[in-house]
């Protein structure tokens, strides 16, 4: 607790994903007061073609998405 999932289109290197996960862990520690030893972060990579499904399932019209993307069309990112 807590567990954070990064869902992204394939492209970032494993090192970039690891650095992002480490930074997210530090931010959760700082802002929520959760010890880093209790924080886990995973990454799931998707193809561009799969992204529309991810967007529709996890982002579109979801009240728990606290930071909304600046696009509403996952095919064109506009």
PDB file of N, CA and C in Angstrom:
ATOM      1  N   UNK A   1       0.825  -1.183   0.000  1.00  0.00           N
ATOM      2  CA  UNK A   1       0.000   0.000   0.000  1.00  0.00           C
ATOM      3  C   UNK A   1       0.856   1.227   0.000  1.00  0.00           C
ATOM      4  N   UNK A   2       0.666   2.139  -0.826  1.00  0.00           N
ATOM      5  CA  UNK A   2      -0.145   2.080  -2.034  1.00  0.00           C
ATOM      6  C   UNK A   2       0.622   1.449  -3.198  1.00  0.00           C
ATOM      7  N   UNK A   3      -0.139   1.008  -4.195  1.00  0.00           N
ATOM      8  CA  UNK A   3       0.452   0.497  -5.428  1.00  0.00           C
ATOM      9  C   UNK A   3       0.007   1.410  -6.560  1.00  0.00           C
ATOM     10  N   UNK A   4       0.956   1.897  -7.330  1.00  0.00           N
ATOM     11  CA  UNK A   4       0.686   2.811  -8.438  1.00  0.00           C
ATOM     12  C   UNK A   4       1.037   2.094  -9.738  1.00  0.00           C
ATOM     13  N   UNK A   5       0.186   2.264 -10.742  1.00  0.00           N
ATOM     14  CA  UNK A   5       0.428   1.647 -12.045  1.00  0.00           C
ATOM     15  C   UNK A   5       0.612   2.747 -13.092  1.00  0.00           C
ATOM     16  N   UNK A   6       1.714   2.680 -13.814  1.00  0.00           N
ATOM     17  CA  UNK A   6       1.957   3.571 -14.941  1.00  0.00           C
ATOM     18  C   UNK A   6       1.522   2.822 -16.190  1.00  0.00           C
ATOM     19  N   UNK A   7       0.513   3.327 -16.868  1.00  0.00           N
ATOM     20  CA  UNK A   7       0.084   2.756 -18.141  1.00  0.00           C
ATOM     21  C   UNK A   7       0.569   3.702 -19.221  1.00  0.00           C
ATOM     22  N   UNK A   8       1.312   3.190 -20.189  1.00  0.00           N
ATOM     23  CA  UNK A   8       1.916   4.048 -21.198  1.00  0.00           C
ATOM     24  C   UNK A   8       1.998   3.345 -22.544  1.00  0.00           C
ATOM     25  N   UNK A   9       2.029   4.141 -23.585  1.00  0.00           N
ATOM     26  CA  UNK A   9       2.316   3.589 -24.904  1.00  0.00           C
ATOM     27  C   UNK A   9       3.788   3.202 -24.903  1.00  0.00           C
ATOM     28  N   UNK A  10       4.102   2.075 -25.496  1.00  0.00           N
ATOM     29  CA  UNK A  10       5.487   1.594 -25.551  1.00  0.00           C
ATOM     30  C   UNK A  10       6.399   2.659 -26.128  1.00  0.00           C
ATOM     31  N   UNK A  11       7.586   2.714 -25.601  1.00  0.00           N
ATOM     32  CA  UNK A  11       8.554   3.692 -26.097  1.00  0.00           C
ATOM     33  C   UNK A  11       9.614   4.034 -25.067  1.00  0.00           C
ATOM     34  N   UNK A  12       9.202   4.367 -23.827  1.00  0.00           N
ATOM     35  CA  UNK A  12      10.228   4.683 -22.835  1.00  0.00           C
ATOM     36  C   UNK A  12      11.117   3.464 -22.575  1.00  0.00           C
ATOM     37  N   UNK A  13      12.389   3.719 -22.326  1.00  0.00           N
ATOM     38  CA  UNK A  13      13.307   2.627 -21.996  1.00  0.00           C
ATOM     39  C   UNK A  13      12.991   2.102 -20.600  1.00  0.00           C
ATOM     40  N   UNK A  14      13.510   0.933 -20.305  1.00  0.00           N
ATOM     41  CA  UNK A  14      13.322   0.362 -18.962  1.00  0.00           C
ATOM     42  C   UNK A  14      13.909   1.303 -17.910  1.00  0.00           C
ATOM     43  N   UNK A  15      15.041   1.933 -18.248  1.00  0.00           N
ATOM     44  CA  UNK A  15      15.663   2.871 -17.313  1.00  0.00           C
ATOM     45  C   UNK A  15      14.764   4.082 -17.075  1.00  0.00           C
ATOM     46  N   UNK A  16      14.159   4.615 -18.127  1.00  0.00           N
ATOM     47  CA  UNK A  16      13.248   5.753 -17.973  1.00  0.00           C
ATOM     48  C   UNK A  16      12.052   5.371 -17.116  1.00  0.00           C
ATOM     49  N   UNK A  17      11.500   4.191 -17.343  1.00  0.00           N
ATOM     50  CA  UNK A  17      10.363   3.735 -16.539  1.00  0.00           C
ATOM     51  C   UNK A  17      10.766   3.562 -15.077  1.00  0.00           C
ATOM     52  N   UNK A  18      11.953   3.008 -14.855  1.00  0.00           N
ATOM     53  CA  UNK A  18      12.436   2.822 -13.477  1.00  0.00           C
ATOM     54  C   UNK A  18      12.634   4.170 -12.790  1.00  0.00           C
ATOM     55  N   UNK A  19      13.217   5.138 -13.497  1.00  0.00           N
ATOM     56  CA  UNK A  19      13.411   6.470 -12.918  1.00  0.00           C
ATOM     57  C   UNK A  19      12.074   7.127 -12.600  1.00  0.00           C
ATOM     58  N   UNK A  20      11.111   7.004 -13.501  1.00  0.00           N
ATOM     59  CA  UNK A  20       9.783   7.571 -13.248  1.00  0.00           C
ATOM     60  C   UNK A  20       9.155   6.912 -12.023  1.00  0.00           C
ATOM     61  N   UNK A  21       9.262   5.595 -11.930  1.00  0.00           N
ATOM     62  CA  UNK A  21       8.692   4.870 -10.792  1.00  0.00           C
ATOM     63  C   UNK A  21       9.343   5.310  -9.481  1.00  0.00           C
ATOM     64  N   UNK A  22      10.653   5.476  -9.494  1.00  0.00           N
ATOM     65  CA  UNK A  22      11.357   5.917  -8.284  1.00  0.00           C
ATOM     66  C   UNK A  22      10.921   7.322  -7.873  1.00  0.00           C
ATOM     67  N   UNK A  23      10.764   8.217  -8.854  1.00  0.00           N
ATOM     68  CA  UNK A  23      10.328   9.584  -8.548  1.00  0.00           C
ATOM     69  C   UNK A  23       8.891   9.588  -8.016  1.00  0.00           C
ATOM     70  N   UNK A  24       8.041   8.795  -8.613  1.00  0.00           N
ATOM     71  CA  UNK A  24       6.650   8.690  -8.128  1.00  0.00           C
ATOM     72  C   UNK A  24       6.639   8.196  -6.690  1.00  0.00           C
ATOM     73  N   UNK A  25       7.460   7.201  -6.396  1.00  0.00           N
ATOM     74  CA  UNK A  25       7.536   6.673  -5.037  1.00  0.00           C
ATOM     75  C   UNK A  25       7.957   7.760  -4.046  1.00  0.00           C
ATOM     76  N   UNK A  26       8.944   8.563  -4.434  1.00  0.00           N
ATOM     77  CA  UNK A  26       9.408   9.652  -3.561  1.00  0.00           C
ATOM     78  C   UNK A  26       8.306  10.698  -3.344  1.00  0.00           C
ATOM     79  N   UNK A  27       7.574  11.020  -4.394  1.00  0.00           N
ATOM     80  CA  UNK A  27       6.494  12.009  -4.282  1.00  0.00           C
ATOM     81  C   UNK A  27       5.375  11.488  -3.388  1.00  0.00           C
ATOM     82  N   UNK A  28       5.018  10.220  -3.546  1.00  0.00           N
ATOM     83  CA  UNK A  28       3.975   9.638  -2.690  1.00  0.00           C
ATOM     84  C   UNK A  28       4.439   9.641  -1.238  1.00  0.00           C
ATOM     85  N   UNK A  29       5.693   9.334  -1.025  1.00  0.00           N
ATOM     86  CA  UNK A  29       6.255   9.386   0.327  1.00  0.00           C
ATOM     87  C   UNK A  29       6.141  10.782   0.908  1.00  0.00           C
ATOM     88  N   UNK A  30       6.532  11.770   0.121  1.00  0.00           N
ATOM     89  CA  UNK A  30       6.545  13.154   0.603  1.00  0.00           C
ATOM     90  C   UNK A  30       5.139  13.713   0.809  1.00  0.00           C
ATOM     91  N   UNK A  31       4.242  13.502  -0.141  1.00  0.00           N
ATOM     92  CA  UNK A  31       2.930  14.140  -0.078  1.00  0.00           C
ATOM     93  C   UNK A  31       1.910  13.372   0.754  1.00  0.00           C
ATOM     94  N   UNK A  32       2.056  12.055   0.804  1.00  0.00           N
ATOM     95  CA  UNK A  32       1.074  11.249   1.539  1.00  0.00           C
ATOM     96  C   UNK A  32       1.625  10.680   2.839  1.00  0.00           C
ATOM     97  N   UNK A  33       2.923  10.852   3.050  1.00  0.00           N
ATOM     98  CA  UNK A  33       3.532  10.383   4.282  1.00  0.00           C
ATOM     99  C   UNK A  33       3.643   8.867   4.379  1.00  0.00           C
ATOM    100  N   UNK A  34       3.634   8.204   3.240  1.00  0.00           N
ATOM    101  CA  UNK A  34       3.755   6.739   3.238  1.00  0.00           C
ATOM    102  C   UNK A  34       5.226   6.372   3.111  1.00  0.00           C
ATOM    103  N   UNK A  35       5.739   5.533   3.991  1.00  0.00           N
ATOM    104  CA  UNK A  35       7.135   5.112   3.883  1.00  0.00           C
ATOM    105  C   UNK A  35       7.388   4.421   2.539  1.00  0.00           C
ATOM    106  N   UNK A  36       8.528   4.736   1.924  1.00  0.00           N
ATOM    107  CA  UNK A  36       8.833   4.169   0.618  1.00  0.00           C
ATOM    108  C   UNK A  36       8.864   2.642   0.634  1.00  0.00           C
ATOM    109  N   UNK A  37       9.162   2.050   1.772  1.00  0.00           N
ATOM    110  CA  UNK A  37       9.206   0.580   1.809  1.00  0.00           C
ATOM    111  C   UNK A  37       7.816  -0.037   1.621  1.00  0.00           C
ATOM    112  N   UNK A  38       6.768   0.763   1.731  1.00  0.00           N
ATOM    113  CA  UNK A  38       5.403   0.265   1.530  1.00  0.00           C
ATOM    114  C   UNK A  38       4.835   0.615   0.150  1.00  0.00           C
ATOM    115  N   UNK A  39       5.587   1.347  -0.650  1.00  0.00           N
ATOM    116  CA  UNK A  39       5.100   1.835  -1.942  1.00  0.00           C
ATOM    117  C   UNK A  39       5.635   0.932  -3.053  1.00  0.00           C
ATOM    118  N   UNK A  40       4.740   0.534  -3.954  1.00  0.00           N
ATOM    119  CA  UNK A  40       5.174  -0.206  -5.134  1.00  0.00           C
ATOM    120  C   UNK A  40       4.634   0.499  -6.377  1.00  0.00           C
ATOM    121  N   UNK A  41       5.415   0.423  -7.444  1.00  0.00           N
ATOM    122  CA  UNK A  41       5.046   1.065  -8.702  1.00  0.00           C
ATOM    123  C   UNK A  41       5.349   0.080  -9.827  1.00  0.00           C
ATOM    124  N   UNK A  42       4.364  -0.149 -10.685  1.00  0.00           N
ATOM    125  CA  UNK A  42       4.590  -1.010 -11.839  1.00  0.00           C
ATOM    126  C   UNK A  42       4.314  -0.234 -13.114  1.00  0.00           C
ATOM    127  N   UNK A  43       4.758  -0.784 -14.244  1.00  0.00           N
ATOM    128  CA  UNK A  43       4.526  -0.149 -15.538  1.00  0.00           C
ATOM    129  C   UNK A  43       3.935  -1.175 -16.490  1.00  0.00           C
ATOM    130  N   UNK A  44       2.951  -0.726 -17.234  1.00  0.00           N
ATOM    131  CA  UNK A  44       2.323  -1.555 -18.254  1.00  0.00           C
ATOM    132  C   UNK A  44       2.441  -0.806 -19.571  1.00  0.00           C
ATOM    133  N   UNK A  45       3.004  -1.461 -20.567  1.00  0.00           N
ATOM    134  CA  UNK A  45       3.196  -0.825 -21.861  1.00  0.00           C
ATOM    135  C   UNK A  45       2.187  -1.373 -22.871  1.00  0.00           C
ATOM    136  N   UNK A  46       1.677  -0.478 -23.697  1.00  0.00           N
ATOM    137  CA  UNK A  46       0.666  -0.820 -24.697  1.00  0.00           C
ATOM    138  C   UNK A  46       1.093  -0.273 -26.048  1.00  0.00           C
ATOM    139  N   UNK A  47       0.612  -0.917 -27.094  1.00  0.00           N
ATOM    140  CA  UNK A  47       0.859  -0.394 -28.437  1.00  0.00           C
ATOM    141  C   UNK A  47      -0.062   0.800 -28.668  1.00  0.00           C
ATOM    142  N   UNK A  48       0.263   1.582 -29.678  1.00  0.00           N
ATOM    143  CA  UNK A  48      -0.584   2.721 -30.033  1.00  0.00           C
ATOM    144  C   UNK A  48      -2.004   2.240 -30.324  1.00  0.00           C
ATOM    145  N   UNK A  49      -2.116   1.104 -31.024  1.00  0.00           N
ATOM    146  CA  UNK A  49      -3.435   0.564 -31.379  1.00  0.00           C
ATOM    147  C   UNK A  49      -4.233   0.150 -30.143  1.00  0.00           C
ATOM    148  N   UNK A  50      -3.568  -0.277 -29.093  1.00  0.00           N
ATOM    149  CA  UNK A  50      -4.241  -0.697 -27.860  1.00  0.00           C
ATOM    150  C   UNK A  50      -4.665   0.474 -26.986  1.00  0.00           C
ATOM    151  N   UNK A  51      -4.066   1.657 -27.221  1.00  0.00           N
ATOM    152  CA  UNK A  51      -4.257   2.774 -26.298  1.00  0.00           C
ATOM    153  C   UNK A  51      -5.708   3.226 -26.178  1.00  0.00           C
ATOM    154  N   UNK A  52      -6.457   3.191 -27.266  1.00  0.00           N
ATOM    155  CA  UNK A  52      -7.860   3.612 -27.205  1.00  0.00           C
ATOM    156  C   UNK A  52      -8.619   2.783 -26.170  1.00  0.00           C
ATOM    157  N   UNK A  53      -8.368   1.485 -26.127  1.00  0.00           N
ATOM    158  CA  UNK A  53      -9.015   0.622 -25.140  1.00  0.00           C
ATOM    159  C   UNK A  53      -8.611   0.975 -23.717  1.00  0.00           C
ATOM    160  N   UNK A  54      -7.326   1.274 -23.516  1.00  0.00           N
ATOM    161  CA  UNK A  54      -6.844   1.679 -22.190  1.00  0.00           C
ATOM    162  C   UNK A  54      -7.520   2.978 -21.777  1.00  0.00           C
ATOM    163  N   UNK A  55      -7.533   3.947 -22.687  1.00  0.00           N
ATOM    164  CA  UNK A  55      -8.161   5.243 -22.406  1.00  0.00           C
ATOM    165  C   UNK A  55      -9.636   5.065 -22.046  1.00  0.00           C
ATOM    166  N   UNK A  56     -10.345   4.297 -22.857  1.00  0.00           N
ATOM    167  CA  UNK A  56     -11.780   4.106 -22.615  1.00  0.00           C
ATOM    168  C   UNK A  56     -12.063   3.373 -21.308  1.00  0.00           C
ATOM    169  N   UNK A  57     -11.212   2.420 -20.954  1.00  0.00           N
ATOM    170  CA  UNK A  57     -11.446   1.643 -19.732  1.00  0.00           C
ATOM    171  C   UNK A  57     -11.000   2.362 -18.458  1.00  0.00           C
ATOM    172  N   UNK A  58      -9.880   3.063 -18.524  1.00  0.00           N
ATOM    173  CA  UNK A  58      -9.290   3.601 -17.296  1.00  0.00           C
ATOM    174  C   UNK A  58      -9.347   5.118 -17.144  1.00  0.00           C
ATOM    175  N   UNK A  59      -9.636   5.847 -18.223  1.00  0.00           N
ATOM    176  CA  UNK A  59      -9.558   7.307 -18.157  1.00  0.00           C
ATOM    177  C   UNK A  59     -10.891   7.982 -18.454  1.00  0.00           C
ATOM    178  N   UNK A  60     -11.453   7.680 -19.596  1.00  0.00           N
ATOM    179  CA  UNK A  60     -12.657   8.366 -20.080  1.00  0.00           C
ATOM    180  C   UNK A  60     -13.800   8.267 -19.075  1.00  0.00           C
ATOM    181  N   UNK A  61     -14.322   9.421 -18.692  1.00  0.00           N
ATOM    182  CA  UNK A  61     -15.477   9.526 -17.803  1.00  0.00           C
ATOM    183  C   UNK A  61     -15.270   8.905 -16.414  1.00  0.00           C
ATOM    184  N   UNK A  62     -14.027   8.704 -16.008  1.00  0.00           N
ATOM    185  CA  UNK A  62     -13.751   8.127 -14.689  1.00  0.00           C
ATOM    186  C   UNK A  62     -13.580   9.242 -13.664  1.00  0.00           C
ATOM    187  N   UNK A  63     -14.312   9.170 -12.582  1.00  0.00           N
ATOM    188  CA  UNK A  63     -14.227  10.195 -11.547  1.00  0.00           C
ATOM    189  C   UNK A  63     -12.971  10.054 -10.687  1.00  0.00           C
ATOM    190  N   UNK A  64     -12.326   8.900 -10.730  1.00  0.00           N
ATOM    191  CA  UNK A  64     -11.124   8.706  -9.921  1.00  0.00           C
ATOM    192  C   UNK A  64      -9.847   9.153 -10.632  1.00  0.00           C
ATOM    193  N   UNK A  65      -9.950   9.617 -11.879  1.00  0.00           N
ATOM    194  CA  UNK A  65      -8.781  10.146 -12.583  1.00  0.00           C
ATOM    195  C   UNK A  65      -8.600  11.591 -12.110  1.00  0.00           C
ATOM    196  N   UNK A  66      -7.589  11.819 -11.318  1.00  0.00           N
ATOM    197  CA  UNK A  66      -7.395  13.108 -10.669  1.00  0.00           C
ATOM    198  C   UNK A  66      -6.674  14.125 -11.550  1.00  0.00           C
ATOM    199  N   UNK A  67      -5.898  13.651 -12.505  1.00  0.00           N
ATOM    200  CA  UNK A  67      -5.250  14.519 -13.483  1.00  0.00           C
ATOM    201  C   UNK A  67      -5.705  14.027 -14.851  1.00  0.00           C
ATOM    202  N   UNK A  68      -6.517  14.829 -15.492  1.00  0.00           N
ATOM    203  CA  UNK A  68      -7.078  14.453 -16.793  1.00  0.00           C
ATOM    204  C   UNK A  68      -6.091  14.819 -17.906  1.00  0.00           C
ATOM    205  N   UNK A  69      -6.030  14.007 -18.974  1.00  0.00           N
ATOM    206  CA  UNK A  69      -5.156  14.355 -20.089  1.00  0.00           C
ATOM    207  C   UNK A  69      -5.723  15.538 -20.866  1.00  0.00           C
ATOM    208  N   UNK A  70      -4.892  16.164 -21.646  1.00  0.00           N
ATOM    209  CA  UNK A  70      -5.306  17.319 -22.437  1.00  0.00           C
ATOM    210  C   UNK A  70      -5.897  16.933 -23.781  1.00  0.00           C
ATOM    211  N   UNK A  71      -6.343  15.707 -23.924  1.00  0.00           N
ATOM    212  CA  UNK A  71      -6.985  15.256 -25.151  1.00  0.00           C
ATOM    213  C   UNK A  71      -8.239  14.461 -24.796  1.00  0.00           C
ATOM    214  N   UNK A  72      -9.142  14.358 -25.741  1.00  0.00           N
ATOM    215  CA  UNK A  72     -10.342  13.546 -25.546  1.00  0.00           C
ATOM    216  C   UNK A  72     -10.470  12.463 -26.617  1.00  0.00           C
ATOM    217  N   UNK A  73      -9.596  12.506 -27.623  1.00  0.00           N
ATOM    218  CA  UNK A  73      -9.607  11.496 -28.677  1.00  0.00           C
ATOM    219  C   UNK A  73      -8.304  10.705 -28.612  1.00  0.00           C
ATOM    220  N   UNK A  74      -8.361   9.467 -28.102  1.00  0.00           N
ATOM    221  CA  UNK A  74      -7.133   8.689 -27.945  1.00  0.00           C
ATOM    222  C   UNK A  74      -6.522   8.211 -29.259  1.00  0.00           C
ATOM    223  N   UNK A  75      -7.203   8.425 -30.375  1.00  0.00           N
ATOM    224  CA  UNK A  75      -6.641   8.047 -31.681  1.00  0.00           C
ATOM    225  C   UNK A  75      -5.728   9.137 -32.215  1.00  0.00           C
ATOM    226  N   UNK A  76      -6.091  10.401 -31.952  1.00  0.00           N
ATOM    227  CA  UNK A  76      -5.313  11.521 -32.492  1.00  0.00           C
ATOM    228  C   UNK A  76      -4.627  12.352 -31.409  1.00  0.00           C
ATOM    229  N   UNK A  77      -4.981  12.094 -30.148  1.00  0.00           N
ATOM    230  CA  UNK A  77      -4.472  12.860 -29.008  1.00  0.00           C
ATOM    231  C   UNK A  77      -4.840  14.334 -29.095  1.00  0.00           C
ATOM    232  N   UNK A  78      -6.012  14.582 -29.650  1.00  0.00           N
ATOM    233  CA  UNK A  78      -6.529  15.957 -29.706  1.00  0.00           C
ATOM    234  C   UNK A  78      -7.788  16.058 -28.871  1.00  0.00           C
TER     235      UNK A  78
END
